[in-house]
Amino acid sequence: MAEFLKKAFQDMKESAKAQHEVDKAQFNAVKAESKAQWEEAKAMRAPEKRKAMMQAERDEQIAEANKRAAEAQARIDAAKGTK
């Protein structure tokens, strides 16, 4: 019985250590994300940077929309039996 309890407590100790590592990693990730959001917010104050960031986002959205349109056209062609 004593050996069982000893093993059980050892397992709990290892589990607690592993969970602590997970918690530390998650905390560091949240901390880094928060800093990134802060830096992005600071960058948005400068009109040039804000315009550049917004243009990059629009370019990305346009590229995604063009890709979706091309995929849809390929599906249409496949459905009609032409290629």
N, C-alpha and C. Protein backbone atom coordinates (compact mmCIF):
# COMPACT_ATOMS: atom_id res chain seq x y z
N MET A 1 0.82 -1.19 0.00
CA MET A 1 0.00 0.00 0.00
C MET A 1 0.87 1.25 0.00
N ALA A 2 1.92 1.27 0.77
CA ALA A 2 2.80 2.43 0.84
C ALA A 2 3.46 2.67 -0.51
N GLU A 3 3.82 1.61 -1.20
CA GLU A 3 4.46 1.74 -2.53
C GLU A 3 3.46 2.35 -3.53
N PHE A 4 2.21 1.96 -3.44
CA PHE A 4 1.18 2.50 -4.31
C PHE A 4 1.04 4.01 -4.10
N LEU A 5 0.97 4.43 -2.84
CA LEU A 5 0.84 5.85 -2.54
C LEU A 5 2.08 6.63 -2.98
N LYS A 6 3.24 6.02 -2.77
CA LYS A 6 4.48 6.68 -3.18
C LYS A 6 4.48 6.91 -4.69
N LYS A 7 4.06 5.90 -5.45
CA LYS A 7 4.01 6.03 -6.90
C LYS A 7 2.95 7.04 -7.32
N ALA A 8 1.82 7.05 -6.63
CA ALA A 8 0.75 7.99 -6.95
C ALA A 8 1.22 9.43 -6.73
N PHE A 9 1.89 9.68 -5.61
CA PHE A 9 2.38 11.03 -5.35
C PHE A 9 3.48 11.43 -6.33
N GLN A 10 4.31 10.47 -6.72
CA GLN A 10 5.36 10.75 -7.71
C GLN A 10 4.71 11.13 -9.05
N ASP A 11 3.67 10.40 -9.44
CA ASP A 11 2.95 10.71 -10.68
C ASP A 11 2.33 12.11 -10.62
N MET A 12 1.74 12.45 -9.47
CA MET A 12 1.14 13.78 -9.31
C MET A 12 2.21 14.86 -9.41
N LYS A 13 3.37 14.60 -8.83
CA LYS A 13 4.47 15.57 -8.87
C LYS A 13 4.93 15.79 -10.31
N GLU A 14 5.09 14.71 -11.06
CA GLU A 14 5.51 14.83 -12.46
C GLU A 14 4.45 15.54 -13.29
N SER A 15 3.20 15.23 -13.02
CA SER A 15 2.11 15.88 -13.73
C SER A 15 2.08 17.39 -13.44
N ALA A 16 2.30 17.74 -12.20
CA ALA A 16 2.31 19.15 -11.81
C ALA A 16 3.46 19.88 -12.50
N LYS A 17 4.63 19.25 -12.58
CA LYS A 17 5.76 19.86 -13.27
C LYS A 17 5.46 20.07 -14.75
N ALA A 18 4.88 19.05 -15.37
CA ALA A 18 4.55 19.16 -16.79
C ALA A 18 3.52 20.26 -17.02
N GLN A 19 2.52 20.34 -16.17
CA GLN A 19 1.50 21.38 -16.30
C GLN A 19 2.11 22.76 -16.09
N HIS A 20 3.07 22.86 -15.18
CA HIS A 20 3.75 24.14 -14.95
C HIS A 20 4.49 24.58 -16.21
N GLU A 21 5.13 23.65 -16.90
CA GLU A 21 5.82 23.97 -18.14
C GLU A 21 4.83 24.46 -19.20
N VAL A 22 3.68 23.79 -19.28
CA VAL A 22 2.64 24.22 -20.23
C VAL A 22 2.18 25.63 -19.87
N ASP A 23 1.93 25.88 -18.60
CA ASP A 23 1.47 27.19 -18.16
C ASP A 23 2.50 28.28 -18.47
N LYS A 24 3.78 27.99 -18.25
CA LYS A 24 4.83 28.96 -18.56
C LYS A 24 4.87 29.26 -20.05
N ALA A 25 4.76 28.24 -20.88
CA ALA A 25 4.80 28.43 -22.32
C ALA A 25 3.60 29.26 -22.78
N GLN A 26 2.42 28.96 -22.24
CA GLN A 26 1.22 29.71 -22.61
C GLN A 26 1.33 31.16 -22.14
N PHE A 27 1.86 31.37 -20.96
CA PHE A 27 2.03 32.73 -20.45
C PHE A 27 2.97 33.52 -21.35
N ASN A 28 4.08 32.90 -21.75
CA ASN A 28 5.02 33.59 -22.63
C ASN A 28 4.40 33.89 -23.98
N ALA A 29 3.57 32.99 -24.48
CA ALA A 29 2.89 33.23 -25.76
C ALA A 29 1.92 34.41 -25.64
N VAL A 30 1.14 34.45 -24.59
CA VAL A 30 0.20 35.55 -24.38
C VAL A 30 0.95 36.86 -24.21
N LYS A 31 2.04 36.82 -23.49
CA LYS A 31 2.86 38.00 -23.27
C LYS A 31 3.41 38.53 -24.61
N ALA A 32 3.91 37.63 -25.46
CA ALA A 32 4.44 38.02 -26.76
C ALA A 32 3.33 38.57 -27.66
N GLU A 33 2.16 37.93 -27.65
CA GLU A 33 1.04 38.41 -28.45
C GLU A 33 0.61 39.80 -28.00
N SER A 34 0.60 40.02 -26.70
CA SER A 34 0.22 41.32 -26.17
C SER A 34 1.21 42.39 -26.61
N LYS A 35 2.49 42.06 -26.56
CA LYS A 35 3.51 43.01 -26.99
C LYS A 35 3.37 43.29 -28.48
N ALA A 36 3.08 42.27 -29.27
CA ALA A 36 2.90 42.45 -30.72
C ALA A 36 1.72 43.38 -30.99
N GLN A 37 0.63 43.18 -30.27
CA GLN A 37 -0.54 44.04 -30.45
C GLN A 37 -0.21 45.49 -30.08
N TRP A 38 0.57 45.65 -29.01
CA TRP A 38 0.96 47.00 -28.59
C TRP A 38 1.82 47.66 -29.66
N GLU A 39 2.79 46.92 -30.19
CA GLU A 39 3.67 47.47 -31.21
C GLU A 39 2.88 47.80 -32.49
N GLU A 40 1.92 46.96 -32.84
CA GLU A 40 1.08 47.25 -34.00
C GLU A 40 0.25 48.50 -33.77
N ALA A 41 -0.28 48.66 -32.58
CA ALA A 41 -1.07 49.84 -32.25
C ALA A 41 -0.20 51.09 -32.32
N LYS A 42 1.03 51.00 -31.83
CA LYS A 42 1.94 52.13 -31.91
C LYS A 42 2.26 52.47 -33.36
N ALA A 43 2.44 51.43 -34.17
CA ALA A 43 2.78 51.65 -35.58
C ALA A 43 1.62 52.30 -36.32
N MET A 44 0.41 52.04 -35.91
CA MET A 44 -0.77 52.60 -36.57
C MET A 44 -0.86 54.12 -36.37
N ARG A 45 -0.11 54.67 -35.43
CA ARG A 45 -0.14 56.11 -35.22
C ARG A 45 0.53 56.85 -36.36
N ALA A 46 1.55 56.23 -36.96
CA ALA A 46 2.25 56.86 -38.07
C ALA A 46 1.45 56.65 -39.34
N PRO A 47 1.04 57.72 -40.00
CA PRO A 47 0.18 57.59 -41.19
C PRO A 47 0.82 56.74 -42.30
N GLU A 48 2.12 56.89 -42.51
CA GLU A 48 2.77 56.11 -43.57
C GLU A 48 2.71 54.62 -43.28
N LYS A 49 3.01 54.27 -42.06
CA LYS A 49 2.99 52.86 -41.68
C LYS A 49 1.58 52.29 -41.74
N ARG A 50 0.61 53.10 -41.29
CA ARG A 50 -0.77 52.64 -41.32
C ARG A 50 -1.23 52.40 -42.75
N LYS A 51 -0.89 53.32 -43.64
CA LYS A 51 -1.26 53.16 -45.04
C LYS A 51 -0.60 51.92 -45.64
N ALA A 52 0.66 51.72 -45.33
CA ALA A 52 1.38 50.56 -45.87
C ALA A 52 0.78 49.25 -45.34
N MET A 53 0.45 49.21 -44.05
CA MET A 53 -0.14 48.01 -43.47
C MET A 53 -1.51 47.75 -44.08
N MET A 54 -2.30 48.79 -44.26
CA MET A 54 -3.63 48.61 -44.82
C MET A 54 -3.55 48.17 -46.28
N GLN A 55 -2.59 48.74 -47.04
CA GLN A 55 -2.43 48.34 -48.43
C GLN A 55 -1.99 46.89 -48.53
N ALA A 56 -1.09 46.46 -47.65
CA ALA A 56 -0.64 45.07 -47.65
C ALA A 56 -1.81 44.14 -47.35
N GLU A 57 -2.66 44.54 -46.40
CA GLU A 57 -3.83 43.73 -46.07
C GLU A 57 -4.79 43.65 -47.25
N ARG A 58 -5.00 44.79 -47.93
CA ARG A 58 -5.88 44.78 -49.11
C ARG A 58 -5.30 43.92 -50.22
N ASP A 59 -3.99 44.01 -50.44
CA ASP A 59 -3.35 43.18 -51.47
C ASP A 59 -3.54 41.70 -51.18
N GLU A 60 -3.41 41.35 -49.91
CA GLU A 60 -3.60 39.95 -49.50
C GLU A 60 -5.04 39.51 -49.74
N GLN A 61 -5.99 40.37 -49.43
CA GLN A 61 -7.40 40.04 -49.65
C GLN A 61 -7.71 39.90 -51.14
N ILE A 62 -7.12 40.76 -51.96
CA ILE A 62 -7.33 40.67 -53.41
C ILE A 62 -6.76 39.36 -53.94
N ALA A 63 -5.55 39.01 -53.49
CA ALA A 63 -4.93 37.77 -53.94
C ALA A 63 -5.79 36.56 -53.54
N GLU A 64 -6.31 36.58 -52.34
CA GLU A 64 -7.16 35.48 -51.86
C GLU A 64 -8.44 35.40 -52.69
N ALA A 65 -9.03 36.55 -52.99
CA ALA A 65 -10.27 36.57 -53.79
C ALA A 65 -10.00 36.06 -55.20
N ASN A 66 -8.88 36.45 -55.80
CA ASN A 66 -8.54 35.96 -57.14
C ASN A 66 -8.31 34.46 -57.14
N LYS A 67 -7.69 33.96 -56.10
CA LYS A 67 -7.45 32.52 -55.98
C LYS A 67 -8.79 31.78 -55.89
N ARG A 68 -9.70 32.29 -55.07
CA ARG A 68 -11.01 31.66 -54.93
C ARG A 68 -11.77 31.69 -56.25
N ALA A 69 -11.68 32.80 -56.99
CA ALA A 69 -12.37 32.91 -58.28
C ALA A 69 -11.80 31.90 -59.27
N ALA A 70 -10.48 31.73 -59.28
CA ALA A 70 -9.85 30.77 -60.19
C ALA A 70 -10.27 29.35 -59.85
N GLU A 71 -10.34 29.03 -58.56
CA GLU A 71 -10.78 27.70 -58.13
C GLU A 71 -12.24 27.47 -58.53
N ALA A 72 -13.06 28.50 -58.39
CA ALA A 72 -14.47 28.37 -58.77
C ALA A 72 -14.60 28.17 -60.27
N GLN A 73 -13.80 28.88 -61.04
CA GLN A 73 -13.85 28.72 -62.49
C GLN A 73 -13.41 27.32 -62.89
N ALA A 74 -12.40 26.79 -62.20
CA ALA A 74 -11.96 25.42 -62.47
C ALA A 74 -13.07 24.43 -62.16
N ARG A 75 -13.81 24.64 -61.10
CA ARG A 75 -14.93 23.77 -60.77
C ARG A 75 -16.03 23.87 -61.82
N ILE A 76 -16.28 25.08 -62.31
CA ILE A 76 -17.29 25.28 -63.35
C ILE A 76 -16.89 24.53 -64.59
N ASP A 77 -15.61 24.70 -65.00
CA ASP A 77 -15.12 24.01 -66.20
C ASP A 77 -15.20 22.48 -66.05
N ALA A 78 -14.88 22.01 -64.85
CA ALA A 78 -14.93 20.57 -64.59
C ALA A 78 -16.37 20.07 -64.66
N ALA A 79 -17.31 20.86 -64.19
CA ALA A 79 -18.71 20.47 -64.20
C ALA A 79 -19.26 20.46 -65.63
N LYS A 80 -18.77 21.36 -66.46
CA LYS A 80 -19.23 21.42 -67.85
C LYS A 80 -18.51 20.40 -68.72
N GLY A 81 -17.41 19.87 -68.22
CA GLY A 81 -16.66 18.87 -68.97
C GLY A 81 -15.66 19.50 -69.94
N THR A 82 -15.38 20.78 -69.76
CA THR A 82 -14.38 21.45 -70.60
C THR A 82 -13.18 21.78 -69.74
N LYS A 83 -12.09 21.96 -70.40
CA LYS A 83 -10.92 22.32 -69.61
C LYS A 83 -10.05 23.29 -70.32
